[in-house]
């Protein structure tokens, strides 16, 4: 597997992999955020890349044999906080393969070392992700068949916050710098 890092839409090879992969997502409710046809919507990944949100951050695209597997990134939020695993999408057959913790989080931790806090945010449509962090923070198992990577246990639920003018559920990793 190969992880590509982009900051905008200038890398045609990687953007083509992203376009092909996200043009076929089966979840219709996610299309406005990921499908390239919605690139005029300010919440859409392609709009975000075009308008430089990842200039102060990175967006990663994971491919295997020219096939899109996953994507997600991080970007600056405040002087002490970075938003991580943003605009994350994993192809269904790879969702229990620990893609984010294996391929993306090590890069994110390295590249964000100067931020004290790292936030993962969730909307209503993926609140189950936030609920999993709540369970982990209370020492409970998240699921019966899938075991979450240990790295996610260091994140603590903060509740809801207004992030980029949108109410979000937030979990935080706080570094001791």
Protein backbone atom coordinates (compact mmCIF):
# COMPACT_ATOMS: atom_id res chain seq x y z
CA UNK A 1 0.00 0.00 0.00
CA UNK A 2 1.17 3.50 -0.79
CA UNK A 3 0.27 6.63 1.17
CA UNK A 4 0.30 9.83 -0.86
CA UNK A 5 0.30 13.24 0.78
CA UNK A 6 -1.39 16.19 -0.90
CA UNK A 7 -2.26 19.71 0.20
CA UNK A 8 -4.39 20.81 -2.74
CA UNK A 9 -5.53 19.55 -6.15
CA UNK A 10 -2.20 19.99 -7.95
CA UNK A 11 -1.07 16.33 -7.94
CA UNK A 12 -3.06 14.95 -10.88
CA UNK A 13 -2.13 11.31 -10.27
CA UNK A 14 -3.32 11.31 -6.65
CA UNK A 15 -6.36 13.46 -7.36
CA UNK A 16 -7.38 11.04 -10.13
CA UNK A 17 -7.22 8.14 -7.65
CA UNK A 18 -9.31 10.18 -5.23
CA UNK A 19 -11.86 11.14 -7.89
CA UNK A 20 -12.25 7.55 -9.11
CA UNK A 21 -12.55 6.17 -5.58
CA UNK A 22 -14.98 8.78 -4.27
CA UNK A 23 -17.15 8.79 -7.40
CA UNK A 24 -18.31 5.30 -6.45
CA UNK A 25 -19.10 5.56 -2.75
CA UNK A 26 -22.29 3.62 -2.02
CA UNK A 27 -23.49 5.80 0.88
CA UNK A 28 -25.66 8.40 -0.85
CA UNK A 29 -25.90 10.50 2.32
CA UNK A 30 -22.12 11.00 2.20
CA UNK A 31 -22.02 12.11 -1.45
CA UNK A 32 -22.26 15.86 -0.72
CA UNK A 33 -19.13 15.64 1.44
CA UNK A 34 -17.03 13.41 -0.82
CA UNK A 35 -18.33 12.99 -4.37
CA UNK A 36 -16.45 15.20 -6.86
CA UNK A 37 -19.71 16.30 -8.52
CA UNK A 38 -20.52 18.29 -5.35
CA UNK A 39 -17.27 20.26 -5.49
CA UNK A 40 -19.07 23.61 -5.26
CA UNK A 41 -20.40 22.75 -1.78
CA UNK A 42 -18.17 24.25 0.95
CA UNK A 43 -18.34 20.99 2.96
CA UNK A 44 -17.13 18.88 0.02
CA UNK A 45 -13.60 17.46 0.12
CA UNK A 46 -12.73 18.72 -3.37
CA UNK A 47 -13.93 22.24 -2.49
CA UNK A 48 -11.86 22.08 0.72
CA UNK A 49 -8.75 20.95 -1.17
CA UNK A 50 -9.28 23.63 -3.84
CA UNK A 51 -9.62 26.31 -1.16
CA UNK A 52 -6.42 25.39 0.69
CA UNK A 53 -7.61 24.02 4.04
CA UNK A 54 -4.80 21.47 3.87
CA UNK A 55 -2.06 23.96 3.00
CA UNK A 56 -1.43 24.07 6.77
CA UNK A 57 -1.80 20.33 7.16
CA UNK A 58 -1.86 17.23 5.00
CA UNK A 59 -4.41 15.09 3.23
CA UNK A 60 -3.48 11.46 2.72
CA UNK A 61 -4.71 9.10 0.03
CA UNK A 62 -4.04 5.41 0.42
CA UNK A 63 -3.91 3.29 -2.71
CA UNK A 64 -3.06 -0.23 -3.64
CA UNK A 65 -2.36 -1.05 -7.29
CA UNK A 66 -3.93 2.26 -8.44
CA UNK A 67 -7.07 1.47 -6.42
CA UNK A 68 -8.42 3.92 -3.85
CA UNK A 69 -8.51 2.41 -0.34
CA UNK A 70 -8.87 5.34 2.07
CA UNK A 71 -8.31 9.03 2.63
CA UNK A 72 -8.16 11.42 5.54
CA UNK A 73 -6.08 14.27 6.79
CA UNK A 74 -5.27 16.88 9.36
CA UNK A 75 -5.33 20.65 9.36
CA UNK A 76 -4.58 23.61 11.60
CA UNK A 77 -7.46 24.74 13.80
CA UNK A 78 -6.01 27.04 16.48
CA UNK A 79 -2.49 27.84 17.62
CA UNK A 80 -2.53 24.85 19.98
CA UNK A 81 -5.05 22.53 18.28
CA UNK A 82 -5.06 20.52 15.04
CA UNK A 83 -8.08 18.71 13.63
CA UNK A 84 -7.12 15.17 12.69
CA UNK A 85 -8.63 12.35 10.64
CA UNK A 86 -10.66 14.98 8.85
CA UNK A 87 -12.74 14.19 5.75
CA UNK A 88 -11.88 10.57 6.43
CA UNK A 89 -13.29 7.87 4.19
CA UNK A 90 -12.38 4.17 4.03
CA UNK A 91 -13.68 1.78 1.39
CA UNK A 92 -16.13 -0.62 3.05
CA UNK A 93 -14.07 -3.81 2.69
CA UNK A 94 -11.15 -2.14 4.52
CA UNK A 95 -13.07 -0.61 7.44
CA UNK A 96 -11.98 -3.19 10.00
CA UNK A 97 -8.35 -3.32 8.85
CA UNK A 98 -7.07 -0.48 11.09
CA UNK A 99 -6.17 1.68 8.10
CA UNK A 100 -6.23 4.98 10.00
CA UNK A 101 -4.15 3.80 12.95
CA UNK A 102 -1.65 1.94 10.76
CA UNK A 103 -1.11 4.30 7.84
CA UNK A 104 -2.34 7.77 8.81
CA UNK A 105 -2.04 8.34 12.56
CA UNK A 106 1.76 7.84 12.74
CA UNK A 107 2.20 10.49 10.03
CA UNK A 108 -0.31 12.79 11.73
CA UNK A 109 1.37 12.47 15.14
CA UNK A 110 4.74 13.26 13.58
CA UNK A 111 3.53 16.22 11.50
CA UNK A 112 1.47 17.76 14.34
CA UNK A 113 4.12 17.46 17.06
CA UNK A 114 4.00 21.22 17.70
CA UNK A 115 0.27 21.16 18.57
CA UNK A 116 -0.67 20.50 22.19
CA UNK A 117 -4.13 19.15 21.35
CA UNK A 118 -5.39 16.93 18.56
CA UNK A 119 -9.13 16.76 17.97
CA UNK A 120 -11.15 14.19 16.10
CA UNK A 121 -14.59 15.56 15.26
CA UNK A 122 -17.82 13.77 14.39
CA UNK A 123 -21.15 14.96 13.02
CA UNK A 124 -24.58 13.51 13.76
CA UNK A 125 -24.29 11.08 10.84
CA UNK A 126 -21.20 9.45 12.34
CA UNK A 127 -21.99 9.92 16.03
CA UNK A 128 -21.49 6.17 16.52
CA UNK A 129 -17.77 6.91 16.19
CA UNK A 130 -17.97 9.40 19.07
CA UNK A 131 -20.03 6.92 21.10
CA UNK A 132 -17.25 4.35 20.63
CA UNK A 133 -14.75 6.79 22.16
CA UNK A 134 -17.11 7.31 25.10
CA UNK A 135 -17.25 3.56 25.67
CA UNK A 136 -13.45 3.23 25.46
CA UNK A 137 -12.93 6.12 27.89
CA UNK A 138 -15.14 4.26 30.37
CA UNK A 139 -13.10 1.08 29.98
CA UNK A 140 -15.80 -0.75 28.06
CA UNK A 141 -15.53 -2.84 24.92
CA UNK A 142 -16.66 -1.10 21.77
CA UNK A 143 -17.78 -4.13 19.80
CA UNK A 144 -18.01 -7.88 19.92
CA UNK A 145 -16.04 -8.78 16.82
CA UNK A 146 -13.81 -5.81 15.95
CA UNK A 147 -11.09 -4.76 18.38
CA UNK A 148 -10.21 -1.06 18.16
CA UNK A 149 -6.50 -0.23 18.10
CA UNK A 150 -5.02 0.75 21.48
CA UNK A 151 -3.96 4.16 20.11
CA UNK A 152 -7.58 5.34 20.14
CA UNK A 153 -7.84 4.78 23.89
CA UNK A 154 -5.71 7.88 24.52
CA UNK A 155 -8.44 10.15 23.14
CA UNK A 156 -10.96 11.58 25.62
CA UNK A 157 -14.52 12.68 24.74
CA UNK A 158 -15.17 16.41 25.24
CA UNK A 159 -18.83 16.57 24.19
CA UNK A 160 -20.06 19.01 21.57
CA UNK A 161 -18.23 22.12 20.43
CA UNK A 162 -18.72 24.57 17.59
CA UNK A 163 -15.93 23.74 15.11
CA UNK A 164 -15.70 25.70 11.87
CA UNK A 165 -19.25 26.99 12.46
CA UNK A 166 -20.64 23.46 12.76
CA UNK A 167 -21.68 21.66 15.96
CA UNK A 168 -19.35 18.68 16.34
CA UNK A 169 -18.74 15.89 18.82
CA UNK A 170 -15.09 16.17 19.80
CA UNK A 171 -12.55 13.74 21.21
CA UNK A 172 -9.15 15.03 22.21
CA UNK A 173 -5.61 13.80 22.54
CA UNK A 174 -3.64 16.18 24.72
CA UNK A 175 0.12 16.04 24.60
CA UNK A 176 2.43 16.92 27.40
CA UNK A 177 4.84 19.20 25.52
